[in-house]
């Protein structure tokens, strides 16, 4: 029996995902307690992904397929967010989806029931913990295990929410499409910022998704210490091109000026203008308890402070 008849739009971007895509789609079709619509955009796959999608869509009236050029994951999901506004009168909630995970059967029902209790007149978002699996489905440690702290300050330098766990309400889509941001590095980070600054975020510590880690992941958990540090050192080579936290903070100020409190504006300005204001740079290096602009642990904070010092946040 469908509880409260919740209908959810799945937002899925694919790219050369033939190896694991069918398993992901099967887990979507196994969801209980909700109705699903699908908005799927392929980002120029050159393998068998398009055929898998076409087979999945056969005789299913609730699926819209888009086969586009390769524009990258963030822009592909941005396009899905724009198109999704036409579903506002059809669905209750919206959910990001990756192409290579496995969802537990009650994932979306749990999210929808929680969102039902959250405000409808402001952006609201549900997200959860994850269980990590490798290519052989061997279950590892939970992603972001332990204490998880959500704050506006922390959101400016670190996203605790993972896109494939995120389900959000209609108001999020409406406000997103009122003025579409030009600069999006990571699509789910923007939605997280919207909800935490303009509305409400709920974090479920119980994982309801098997989050696959493999060599082709665009963005993974980087759970292994050596792998994480190797990735950090490698990123130093491209630091001259990386100001994405700063750029996104500036765009948050520009687009959502009418929604933000003066206190929140000052908080965001700390990241947006730290290169122009030495005091703001000091605030980033030694954040107060009030601002709480820091990351989860010493390792992440080490790399953040390095970026602050060289002006590449």
Protein backbone atom coordinates (compact mmCIF):
# COMPACT_ATOMS: atom_id res chain seq x y z
CA UNK A 1 0.00 0.00 0.00
CA UNK A 2 1.31 3.46 -0.93
CA UNK A 3 1.47 5.66 2.15
CA UNK A 4 0.10 9.15 1.46
CA UNK A 5 0.58 8.54 -2.29
CA UNK A 6 3.96 10.28 -2.35
CA UNK A 7 5.25 10.66 -5.88
CA UNK A 8 8.97 11.32 -6.40
CA UNK A 9 10.89 12.44 -9.48
CA UNK A 10 14.22 10.65 -9.91
CA UNK A 11 16.91 12.94 -11.37
CA UNK A 12 19.58 10.75 -12.94
CA UNK A 13 22.51 11.69 -15.16
CA UNK A 14 24.41 8.85 -16.80
CA UNK A 15 27.76 8.59 -18.55
CA UNK A 16 29.36 5.32 -19.68
CA UNK A 17 27.67 3.50 -16.82
CA UNK A 18 26.93 0.16 -18.45
CA UNK A 19 28.69 -1.91 -15.79
CA UNK A 20 26.49 -1.02 -12.82
CA UNK A 21 23.53 0.93 -14.27
CA UNK A 22 21.09 -1.97 -14.54
CA UNK A 23 21.61 -2.87 -10.89
CA UNK A 24 20.93 0.73 -9.90
CA UNK A 25 17.75 0.84 -12.01
CA UNK A 26 16.56 -2.47 -10.54
CA UNK A 27 16.95 -1.06 -7.04
CA UNK A 28 14.87 1.97 -8.06
CA UNK A 29 12.11 -0.25 -9.39
CA UNK A 30 12.18 -2.16 -6.08
CA UNK A 31 11.31 0.92 -4.01
CA UNK A 32 8.28 0.48 -1.77
CA UNK A 33 5.75 2.98 -0.45
CA UNK A 34 6.17 5.57 -3.22
CA UNK A 35 5.32 6.20 -6.85
CA UNK A 36 8.20 7.14 -9.14
CA UNK A 37 8.69 9.30 -12.20
CA UNK A 38 12.05 9.37 -13.96
CA UNK A 39 13.89 12.25 -15.61
CA UNK A 40 17.09 10.79 -17.03
CA UNK A 41 19.74 12.58 -19.07
CA UNK A 42 22.61 10.72 -20.70
CA UNK A 43 25.73 12.87 -20.95
CA UNK A 44 27.04 11.56 -24.26
CA UNK A 45 27.81 7.94 -23.37
CA UNK A 46 29.84 5.89 -25.86
CA UNK A 47 29.23 2.46 -24.32
CA UNK A 48 25.99 0.47 -23.95
CA UNK A 49 24.39 2.89 -21.48
CA UNK A 50 21.89 4.33 -23.98
CA UNK A 51 20.63 0.87 -24.91
CA UNK A 52 20.18 -0.01 -21.24
CA UNK A 53 18.15 3.17 -20.73
CA UNK A 54 16.00 2.55 -23.81
CA UNK A 55 15.24 -0.98 -22.64
CA UNK A 56 14.37 0.32 -19.18
CA UNK A 57 12.01 2.91 -20.65
CA UNK A 58 10.07 0.46 -22.81
CA UNK A 59 6.35 0.54 -21.98
CA UNK A 60 6.95 2.91 -19.06
CA UNK A 61 4.95 6.15 -19.42
CA UNK A 62 6.58 7.67 -16.33
CA UNK A 63 10.07 8.07 -17.85
CA UNK A 64 11.53 10.99 -19.80
CA UNK A 65 14.85 10.25 -21.49
CA UNK A 66 17.20 12.91 -22.79
CA UNK A 67 20.27 12.01 -24.84
CA UNK A 68 22.58 15.01 -24.80
CA UNK A 69 26.13 16.09 -25.51
CA UNK A 70 28.89 15.62 -22.96
CA UNK A 71 28.73 18.70 -20.72
CA UNK A 72 29.96 17.18 -17.46
CA UNK A 73 28.14 15.87 -14.42
CA UNK A 74 27.40 19.19 -12.70
CA UNK A 75 25.99 20.83 -15.84
CA UNK A 76 24.03 17.71 -16.71
CA UNK A 77 22.33 17.71 -13.31
CA UNK A 78 21.83 21.46 -13.57
CA UNK A 79 19.91 20.85 -16.80
CA UNK A 80 17.80 18.23 -15.04
CA UNK A 81 17.00 20.69 -12.24
CA UNK A 82 15.85 23.24 -14.82
CA UNK A 83 13.70 20.75 -16.72
CA UNK A 84 12.23 19.36 -13.49
CA UNK A 85 10.16 22.50 -12.90
CA UNK A 86 7.57 21.16 -15.34
CA UNK A 87 6.97 18.30 -12.89
CA UNK A 88 6.01 20.58 -10.01
CA UNK A 89 2.31 19.85 -10.50
CA UNK A 90 2.92 16.10 -10.88
CA UNK A 91 5.28 15.02 -8.08
CA UNK A 92 5.67 15.72 -4.37
CA UNK A 93 9.44 15.46 -4.01
CA UNK A 94 12.65 15.25 -6.06
CA UNK A 95 15.60 12.90 -5.63
CA UNK A 96 19.13 12.90 -7.04
CA UNK A 97 20.40 9.51 -8.18
CA UNK A 98 23.81 8.20 -9.25
CA UNK A 99 24.26 5.50 -11.88
CA UNK A 100 26.20 2.92 -9.90
CA UNK A 101 24.76 2.47 -6.40
CA UNK A 102 22.19 0.12 -4.87
CA UNK A 103 19.25 1.60 -2.98
CA UNK A 104 17.60 -0.26 -0.13
CA UNK A 105 13.92 -0.77 -0.86
CA UNK A 106 12.58 1.71 1.71
CA UNK A 107 15.08 4.51 0.96
CA UNK A 108 12.61 6.88 -0.69
CA UNK A 109 9.67 6.05 1.57
CA UNK A 110 11.72 6.99 4.64
CA UNK A 111 12.80 10.25 3.00
CA UNK A 112 9.28 11.14 1.86
CA UNK A 113 7.76 10.47 5.28
CA UNK A 114 10.36 12.74 6.88
CA UNK A 115 9.86 15.52 4.31
CA UNK A 116 6.12 15.33 4.93
CA UNK A 117 6.84 16.62 8.44
CA UNK A 118 9.08 19.46 7.25
CA UNK A 119 8.04 22.93 5.99
CA UNK A 120 6.55 23.18 2.51
CA UNK A 121 6.89 26.96 2.13
CA UNK A 122 10.71 26.97 2.32
CA UNK A 123 13.36 24.67 0.81
CA UNK A 124 13.62 21.40 2.74
CA UNK A 125 15.97 18.49 2.19
CA UNK A 126 16.47 14.99 3.54
CA UNK A 127 19.86 13.25 3.35
CA UNK A 128 21.36 10.22 5.02
CA UNK A 129 24.46 8.26 5.86
CA UNK A 130 25.78 5.64 3.43
CA UNK A 131 27.19 2.15 3.54
CA UNK A 132 30.31 1.75 1.41
CA UNK A 133 30.74 -1.24 -0.87
CA UNK A 134 33.52 -2.08 -3.29
CA UNK A 135 33.34 -3.60 -6.75
CA UNK A 136 32.71 -7.03 -5.22
CA UNK A 137 29.90 -5.75 -2.97
CA UNK A 138 31.94 -6.32 0.15
CA UNK A 139 30.41 -4.06 2.79
CA UNK A 140 32.84 -1.68 4.43
CA UNK A 141 32.50 1.06 7.00
CA UNK A 142 29.70 3.56 6.94
CA UNK A 143 30.50 6.78 5.14
CA UNK A 144 30.95 9.72 7.49
CA UNK A 145 30.49 7.46 10.49
CA UNK A 146 30.35 9.06 13.91
CA UNK A 147 29.38 12.58 14.80
CA UNK A 148 27.96 14.60 11.92
CA UNK A 149 27.46 18.32 12.50
CA UNK A 150 25.41 20.49 10.18
CA UNK A 151 25.93 24.23 10.32
CA UNK A 152 25.77 27.09 7.85
CA UNK A 153 29.42 27.93 8.41
CA UNK A 154 30.60 24.38 7.80
CA UNK A 155 28.47 24.12 4.66
CA UNK A 156 30.55 26.88 3.04
CA UNK A 157 33.70 24.74 3.12
CA UNK A 158 32.41 21.16 3.28
CA UNK A 159 29.32 19.24 2.19
CA UNK A 160 28.23 16.62 4.69
CA UNK A 161 25.33 15.58 2.48
CA UNK A 162 25.97 13.22 -0.44
CA UNK A 163 23.88 13.86 -3.55
CA UNK A 164 22.61 10.31 -4.04
CA UNK A 165 21.00 10.41 -0.57
CA UNK A 166 19.31 13.78 -1.10
CA UNK A 167 15.53 14.15 -1.50
CA UNK A 168 14.02 17.64 -1.50
CA UNK A 169 10.71 19.46 -1.79
CA UNK A 170 8.97 21.52 -4.47
CA UNK A 171 9.98 24.86 -2.98
CA UNK A 172 13.63 23.95 -3.57
CA UNK A 173 12.97 23.49 -7.29
CA UNK A 174 10.86 26.64 -7.48
CA UNK A 175 13.48 28.89 -5.89
CA UNK A 176 16.30 27.28 -7.88
CA UNK A 177 14.52 28.11 -11.12
CA UNK A 178 13.58 31.67 -10.11
CA UNK A 179 17.16 32.66 -10.89
CA UNK A 180 19.34 29.86 -12.17
CA UNK A 181 22.96 30.02 -10.94
CA UNK A 182 25.61 30.32 -13.63
CA UNK A 183 28.42 28.75 -11.62
CA UNK A 184 27.83 25.26 -10.23
CA UNK A 185 30.83 23.04 -9.51
CA UNK A 186 28.86 20.33 -7.74
CA UNK A 187 25.09 20.24 -8.23
CA UNK A 188 24.22 18.69 -4.87
CA UNK A 189 26.36 21.20 -2.97
CA UNK A 190 24.28 24.06 -4.39
CA UNK A 191 21.02 22.41 -3.32
CA UNK A 192 22.52 21.79 0.12
CA UNK A 193 23.42 25.48 0.41
CA UNK A 194 19.93 26.51 -0.66
CA UNK A 195 18.27 24.33 1.93
CA UNK A 196 20.56 25.05 4.87
CA UNK A 197 20.49 28.85 4.35
CA UNK A 198 16.91 29.30 3.15
CA UNK A 199 15.12 26.41 4.79
CA UNK A 200 15.81 23.17 6.62
CA UNK A 201 18.04 20.08 6.33
CA UNK A 202 17.42 16.73 8.01
CA UNK A 203 20.23 14.18 8.33
CA UNK A 204 19.39 10.52 8.89
CA UNK A 205 22.31 8.66 10.54
CA UNK A 206 20.91 5.32 9.35
CA UNK A 207 22.24 4.45 5.88
CA UNK A 208 19.73 3.27 3.29
CA UNK A 209 21.99 3.13 0.26
CA UNK A 210 24.96 0.98 -0.74
CA UNK A 211 27.46 3.51 -2.06
CA UNK A 212 29.74 1.88 -4.57
CA UNK A 213 33.45 2.72 -4.65
CA UNK A 214 35.31 1.86 -7.85
CA UNK A 215 37.96 3.25 -10.17
CA UNK A 216 35.45 5.02 -12.42
CA UNK A 217 33.71 7.01 -9.68
CA UNK A 218 33.70 10.71 -10.56
CA UNK A 219 33.43 11.64 -6.90
CA UNK A 220 33.93 8.96 -4.29
CA UNK A 221 34.40 8.70 -0.57
CA UNK A 222 38.21 8.33 -0.82
CA UNK A 223 37.97 6.26 2.34
CA UNK A 224 41.57 5.00 2.26
CA UNK A 225 44.00 7.38 4.00
CA UNK A 226 46.77 6.98 1.42
CA UNK A 227 44.34 7.47 -1.45
CA UNK A 228 42.98 10.64 0.12
CA UNK A 229 46.41 12.19 0.65
CA UNK A 230 47.56 11.21 -2.81
CA UNK A 231 44.48 12.92 -4.21
CA UNK A 232 45.11 16.05 -2.11
CA UNK A 233 48.72 16.35 -3.27
CA UNK A 234 47.65 15.84 -6.87
CA UNK A 235 45.07 18.61 -6.56
CA UNK A 236 47.79 21.10 -5.58
CA UNK A 237 48.91 21.10 -9.22
CA UNK A 238 45.58 22.63 -10.25
CA UNK A 239 45.12 24.99 -7.31
CA UNK A 240 45.59 27.99 -9.61
CA UNK A 241 42.25 27.13 -11.21
CA UNK A 242 40.33 26.43 -8.01
CA UNK A 243 38.30 29.14 -6.31
CA UNK A 244 35.02 27.24 -6.40
CA UNK A 245 34.03 27.83 -2.75
CA UNK A 246 34.71 31.54 -3.15
CA UNK A 247 32.83 31.75 -6.45
CA UNK A 248 29.86 29.84 -5.12
CA UNK A 249 29.69 32.02 -2.00
CA UNK A 250 29.58 35.14 -4.19
CA UNK A 251 26.79 33.68 -6.27
CA UNK A 252 24.81 32.72 -3.17
CA UNK A 253 24.97 36.35 -2.07
CA UNK A 254 23.91 37.64 -5.46
CA UNK A 255 21.04 35.24 -6.14
CA UNK A 256 19.52 34.88 -2.67
CA UNK A 257 20.07 38.38 -1.29
CA UNK A 258 16.35 38.83 -0.60
CA UNK A 259 16.14 35.58 1.38
CA UNK A 260 19.30 35.84 3.48
CA UNK A 261 19.46 37.44 6.92
CA UNK A 262 22.14 40.06 7.53
CA UNK A 263 23.93 37.62 9.82
CA UNK A 264 24.02 34.96 7.11
CA UNK A 265 25.21 37.48 4.53
CA UNK A 266 28.16 38.40 6.73
CA UNK A 267 28.96 34.72 7.22
CA UNK A 268 28.96 34.03 3.48
CA UNK A 269 31.03 37.17 2.81
CA UNK A 270 33.80 35.68 4.95
CA UNK A 271 34.37 33.07 2.25
CA UNK A 272 33.35 35.22 -0.72
CA UNK A 273 35.79 38.06 -0.03
CA UNK A 274 38.58 36.56 2.08
CA UNK A 275 41.17 37.31 -0.63
CA UNK A 276 40.24 41.00 -0.63
CA UNK A 277 39.91 41.38 3.15
CA UNK A 278 42.78 40.26 5.40
CA UNK A 279 40.50 40.14 8.45
CA UNK A 280 38.20 37.72 6.69
CA UNK A 281 41.17 35.54 5.83
CA UNK A 282 42.15 35.48 9.50
CA UNK A 283 38.56 34.53 10.38
CA UNK A 284 38.81 31.58 8.01
CA UNK A 285 42.14 30.49 9.46
CA UNK A 286 40.95 30.77 13.07
CA UNK A 287 37.13 30.52 12.98
CA UNK A 288 35.09 31.47 16.01
CA UNK A 289 32.52 29.16 17.57
CA UNK A 290 29.85 31.46 16.17
CA UNK A 291 31.01 31.29 12.57
CA UNK A 292 31.88 27.56 12.75
CA UNK A 293 33.58 27.74 9.34
CA UNK A 294 35.56 24.54 9.55
CA UNK A 295 35.60 20.95 8.36
CA UNK A 296 34.96 17.60 10.01
CA UNK A 297 38.44 16.60 11.18
CA UNK A 298 42.06 17.70 11.48
CA UNK A 299 43.04 16.20 8.14
CA UNK A 300 40.44 18.13 6.17
CA UNK A 301 41.12 21.30 8.15
CA UNK A 302 44.84 21.01 7.37
CA UNK A 303 44.16 21.10 3.63
CA UNK A 304 41.56 23.84 4.04
CA UNK A 305 44.01 26.08 5.92
CA UNK A 306 46.64 25.45 3.25
CA UNK A 307 44.19 26.62 0.59
CA UNK A 308 43.28 29.68 2.66
CA UNK A 309 46.95 30.65 3.06
CA UNK A 310 47.68 30.43 -0.67
CA UNK A 311 44.31 31.97 -1.59
CA UNK A 312 42.74 29.01 -3.37
CA UNK A 313 39.51 28.28 -1.48
